[in-house]
Amino acid sequence: MDVRKVEAFTQVLQTHSGRDKVAKFFHYISRILVWYYYRKGNPNRAGEIENFRQAIGTARRVGRFFSSISSALDIYGLSSDPSPPHVRFALLIAYLCDFFYFFSDNLTFFSKYGFKRLTPSQVEFWDNTVGSWSWLIAMIIYIYVDVREMRIASSRRKSTVEELREYKEYIYNKKIDMVCNLCDLMLAIYFCFPERSFSSQTVGVFGVLSAIFGFFKMYRSNLRKIK
């Protein structure tokens, strides 16, 4: 057994983001399993897995408590960002969307358990309009920024072996980010247009891929730091 790999794996699990990637994997693979067991004519098993999926979803929402504070700090950090004005403006929109996504998620969660009174129409607005659409807009912007940064990096001259190695590592990580963001974009499209986009099992595939690639990036980064 390679102890370095085990250590890198456990380091990921020690972070909230790492644990959320694991929960996200089970959350979305459950969609696929629910579909599978219904297809097999086993609704009882499908119902059990659906209960598990909903429990995991609730647990993930607890992990997002007050995450809007992090988005507020991202907005504040734009004041020292060296990016061109149009990029800073795009990121401002993305960070504001993140803020409202987390705020709406927390608000409707507290409402579900009676800590905040919201009417059904208010829950619908915050959950399915503010939450879903803010996620969609943010993902579009992050993908644009990823593509732009990859193009800028590829245009720079690499004079040394070390610069070439750093460039390859940077592009590798950016490609993983792109896969994760594209998968999350597909999820956001589904939640904005649930009746006109993807099937539940297809959404499950996108969610599983996003979780796996996101976890792998964190694991690989930790592994490279361990001597």
Protein backbone atom coordinates (compact mmCIF):
# COMPACT_ATOMS: atom_id res chain seq x y z
CA MET A 1 0.00 0.00 0.00
CA ASP A 2 1.28 3.45 -0.94
CA VAL A 3 1.00 5.46 2.29
CA ARG A 4 1.35 8.73 0.36
CA LYS A 5 -1.85 8.01 -1.57
CA VAL A 6 -3.73 7.14 1.60
CA GLU A 7 -2.50 10.32 3.28
CA ALA A 8 -3.48 12.44 0.28
CA PHE A 9 -6.92 10.80 0.26
CA THR A 10 -7.51 11.42 3.96
CA GLN A 11 -6.34 15.03 3.62
CA VAL A 12 -9.09 15.61 1.09
CA LEU A 13 -11.65 14.06 3.44
CA GLN A 14 -10.52 16.41 6.20
CA THR A 15 -11.82 19.40 4.23
CA HIS A 16 -15.46 20.40 3.87
CA SER A 17 -15.09 20.58 0.09
CA GLY A 18 -13.65 17.06 -0.04
CA ARG A 19 -16.41 15.57 2.08
CA ASP A 20 -19.00 17.39 -0.01
CA LYS A 21 -17.53 15.81 -3.17
CA VAL A 22 -18.06 12.37 -1.61
CA ALA A 23 -21.60 13.29 -0.57
CA LYS A 24 -22.25 14.71 -4.04
CA PHE A 25 -21.13 11.42 -5.59
CA PHE A 26 -23.63 9.41 -3.50
CA HIS A 27 -26.30 12.07 -3.97
CA TYR A 28 -26.21 11.86 -7.76
CA ILE A 29 -25.43 8.18 -8.22
CA SER A 30 -28.59 7.60 -6.22
CA ARG A 31 -30.55 9.20 -9.07
CA ILE A 32 -29.13 6.60 -11.44
CA LEU A 33 -29.91 3.76 -9.04
CA VAL A 34 -33.48 4.96 -8.51
CA TRP A 35 -33.98 4.96 -12.27
CA TYR A 36 -32.34 1.52 -12.55
CA TYR A 37 -34.52 -0.14 -9.92
CA TYR A 38 -37.72 1.35 -11.33
CA ARG A 39 -36.70 -0.04 -14.70
CA LYS A 40 -36.13 -3.43 -13.07
CA GLY A 41 -39.61 -3.35 -11.55
CA ASN A 42 -38.43 -2.95 -7.96
CA PRO A 43 -40.17 0.22 -6.70
CA ASN A 44 -39.57 -0.64 -3.04
CA ARG A 45 -35.80 -0.64 -3.50
CA ALA A 46 -36.04 2.49 -5.63
CA GLY A 47 -38.00 4.20 -2.85
CA GLU A 48 -35.37 3.26 -0.25
CA ILE A 49 -32.60 4.74 -2.40
CA GLU A 50 -34.67 7.86 -3.04
CA ASN A 51 -34.97 8.35 0.74
CA PHE A 52 -31.19 7.97 0.97
CA ARG A 53 -30.74 10.52 -1.84
CA GLN A 54 -32.91 13.06 -0.07
CA ALA A 55 -31.07 12.51 3.23
CA ILE A 56 -27.71 13.11 1.53
CA GLY A 57 -29.12 16.22 -0.13
CA THR A 58 -30.22 17.57 3.24
CA ALA A 59 -26.79 16.85 4.74
CA ARG A 60 -25.09 18.73 1.89
CA ARG A 61 -27.32 21.74 2.53
CA VAL A 62 -26.20 21.83 6.18
CA GLY A 63 -22.61 22.07 4.93
CA ARG A 64 -23.53 25.20 2.98
CA PHE A 65 -24.63 27.17 6.05
CA PHE A 66 -23.44 30.79 5.79
CA SER A 67 -21.32 30.06 2.70
CA SER A 68 -22.55 33.39 1.35
CA ILE A 69 -19.94 35.00 3.65
CA SER A 70 -17.23 33.40 1.51
CA SER A 71 -18.83 34.89 -1.60
CA ALA A 72 -18.86 38.31 0.07
CA LEU A 73 -15.12 37.97 0.69
CA ASP A 74 -14.62 37.05 -2.98
CA ILE A 75 -16.44 40.24 -3.95
CA TYR A 76 -14.23 42.27 -1.61
CA GLY A 77 -11.12 40.65 -3.10
CA LEU A 78 -11.99 41.96 -6.57
CA SER A 79 -10.70 45.38 -5.48
CA SER A 80 -7.14 44.03 -5.77
CA ASP A 81 -7.72 41.74 -8.75
CA PRO A 82 -5.36 42.62 -11.65
CA SER A 83 -7.77 41.31 -14.31
CA PRO A 84 -9.17 43.67 -16.98
CA PRO A 85 -12.31 45.63 -15.97
CA HIS A 86 -14.70 43.49 -18.05
CA VAL A 87 -13.38 40.30 -16.38
CA ARG A 88 -13.69 41.83 -12.91
CA PHE A 89 -17.24 42.85 -13.75
CA ALA A 90 -18.07 39.33 -14.94
CA LEU A 91 -16.59 37.86 -11.76
CA LEU A 92 -18.55 40.37 -9.69
CA ILE A 93 -21.75 39.06 -11.28
CA ALA A 94 -20.63 35.45 -10.67
CA TYR A 95 -19.77 36.11 -7.01
CA LEU A 96 -23.08 37.91 -6.47
CA CYS A 97 -24.84 34.90 -8.00
CA ASP A 98 -22.93 32.61 -5.64
CA PHE A 99 -23.96 34.83 -2.73
CA PHE A 100 -27.64 34.62 -3.64
CA TYR A 101 -27.40 30.90 -4.40
CA PHE A 102 -26.10 30.15 -0.90
CA PHE A 103 -28.46 32.67 0.70
CA SER A 104 -31.51 31.15 -1.00
CA ASP A 105 -30.35 27.63 -0.12
CA ASN A 106 -29.97 28.54 3.56
CA LEU A 107 -33.22 30.51 3.63
CA THR A 108 -35.38 27.74 2.17
CA PHE A 109 -33.68 25.14 4.37
CA PHE A 110 -34.54 27.10 7.52
CA SER A 111 -38.06 27.57 6.17
CA LYS A 112 -38.48 23.83 5.64
CA TYR A 113 -37.91 23.16 9.34
CA GLY A 114 -39.93 26.11 10.66
CA PHE A 115 -37.15 28.54 11.60
CA LYS A 116 -38.28 31.01 8.94
CA ARG A 117 -41.84 31.43 7.71
CA LEU A 118 -42.16 31.47 3.92
CA THR A 119 -45.22 30.95 1.78
CA PRO A 120 -45.09 28.20 -0.89
CA SER A 121 -44.76 30.86 -3.58
CA GLN A 122 -41.84 32.45 -1.72
CA VAL A 123 -40.12 29.07 -1.39
CA GLU A 124 -40.64 28.51 -5.11
CA PHE A 125 -39.14 31.92 -5.90
CA TRP A 126 -36.06 31.56 -3.70
CA ASP A 127 -35.42 27.90 -4.43
CA ASN A 128 -36.22 27.49 -8.12
CA THR A 129 -35.81 31.03 -9.44
CA VAL A 130 -33.08 32.70 -7.41
CA GLY A 131 -31.17 29.53 -6.51
CA SER A 132 -31.25 27.75 -9.86
CA TRP A 133 -30.76 30.78 -12.10
CA SER A 134 -27.97 32.28 -10.00
CA TRP A 135 -26.14 28.93 -10.26
CA LEU A 136 -26.64 28.86 -14.03
CA ILE A 137 -25.33 32.39 -14.56
CA ALA A 138 -22.32 31.81 -12.30
CA MET A 139 -21.36 28.61 -14.15
CA ILE A 140 -21.50 30.34 -17.53
CA ILE A 141 -19.18 33.07 -16.27
CA TYR A 142 -16.73 30.66 -14.65
CA ILE A 143 -16.49 28.67 -17.88
CA TYR A 144 -15.81 31.88 -19.81
CA VAL A 145 -13.08 32.86 -17.35
CA ASP A 146 -11.54 29.36 -17.53
CA VAL A 147 -11.40 29.45 -21.33
CA ARG A 148 -9.94 32.96 -21.32
CA GLU A 149 -7.24 32.06 -18.80
CA MET A 150 -6.29 28.92 -20.74
CA ARG A 151 -5.95 30.92 -23.95
CA ILE A 152 -3.77 33.53 -22.24
CA ALA A 153 -1.56 30.83 -20.72
CA SER A 154 -1.13 29.06 -24.06
CA SER A 155 -0.07 32.31 -25.76
CA ARG A 156 2.77 33.00 -23.32
CA ARG A 157 6.26 31.97 -24.32
CA LYS A 158 7.80 29.10 -22.33
CA SER A 159 11.55 29.73 -22.24
CA THR A 160 12.63 27.04 -19.79
CA VAL A 161 11.81 23.44 -18.97
CA GLU A 162 10.43 24.58 -15.61
CA GLU A 163 8.09 27.09 -17.27
CA LEU A 164 6.87 24.40 -19.65
CA ARG A 165 6.28 22.00 -16.76
CA GLU A 166 4.32 24.66 -14.84
CA TYR A 167 2.28 25.45 -17.95
CA LYS A 168 1.35 21.80 -18.49
CA GLU A 169 0.35 21.45 -14.83
CA TYR A 170 -1.72 24.64 -15.00
CA ILE A 171 -3.54 23.55 -18.16
CA TYR A 172 -4.15 20.08 -16.71
CA ASN A 173 -5.82 21.56 -13.64
CA LYS A 174 -7.79 24.03 -15.74
CA LYS A 175 -9.12 21.19 -17.88
CA ILE A 176 -10.35 19.45 -14.74
CA ASP A 177 -12.00 22.70 -13.66
CA MET A 178 -13.64 22.93 -17.07
CA VAL A 179 -15.05 19.40 -16.82
CA CYS A 180 -16.44 20.12 -13.34
CA ASN A 181 -17.91 23.47 -14.39
CA LEU A 182 -19.44 22.04 -17.57
CA CYS A 183 -21.06 19.24 -15.57
CA ASP A 184 -22.35 21.73 -13.02
CA LEU A 185 -23.65 23.89 -15.88
CA MET A 186 -25.67 20.89 -17.11
CA LEU A 187 -27.04 20.43 -13.58
CA ALA A 188 -27.99 24.10 -13.39
CA ILE A 189 -29.74 23.87 -16.78
CA TYR A 190 -31.73 20.90 -15.49
CA PHE A 191 -32.85 22.72 -12.35
CA CYS A 192 -33.82 25.79 -14.40
CA PHE A 193 -35.70 23.70 -16.99
CA PRO A 194 -36.55 20.40 -15.27
CA GLU A 195 -39.30 19.51 -17.74
CA ARG A 196 -37.42 20.50 -20.88
CA SER A 197 -33.80 19.45 -20.45
CA PHE A 198 -32.37 16.15 -19.18
CA SER A 199 -33.71 12.98 -17.63
CA SER A 200 -33.05 12.35 -13.94
CA GLN A 201 -30.54 9.57 -14.67
CA THR A 202 -28.63 11.82 -17.09
CA VAL A 203 -28.44 14.47 -14.38
CA GLY A 204 -27.09 11.73 -12.13
CA VAL A 205 -24.24 11.08 -14.59
CA PHE A 206 -23.32 14.78 -14.73
CA GLY A 207 -23.33 15.01 -10.93
CA VAL A 208 -21.21 11.89 -10.49
CA LEU A 209 -18.63 13.12 -13.02
CA SER A 210 -18.44 16.53 -11.35
CA ALA A 211 -17.88 14.90 -7.95
CA ILE A 212 -15.22 12.47 -9.21
CA PHE A 213 -13.19 15.03 -11.12
CA GLY A 214 -13.44 17.60 -8.32
CA PHE A 215 -12.27 15.07 -5.74
CA PHE A 216 -9.48 13.87 -8.03
CA LYS A 217 -8.13 17.40 -8.48
CA MET A 218 -7.93 17.89 -4.71
CA TYR A 219 -6.40 14.45 -4.20
CA ARG A 220 -3.79 14.98 -6.91
CA SER A 221 -2.86 18.39 -5.51
CA ASN A 222 -2.33 16.91 -2.05
CA LEU A 223 -0.37 13.96 -3.42
CA ARG A 224 2.08 16.28 -5.19
CA LYS A 225 2.75 18.14 -1.92
CA ILE A 226 3.56 15.00 0.08
CA LYS A 227 7.27 14.14 0.01
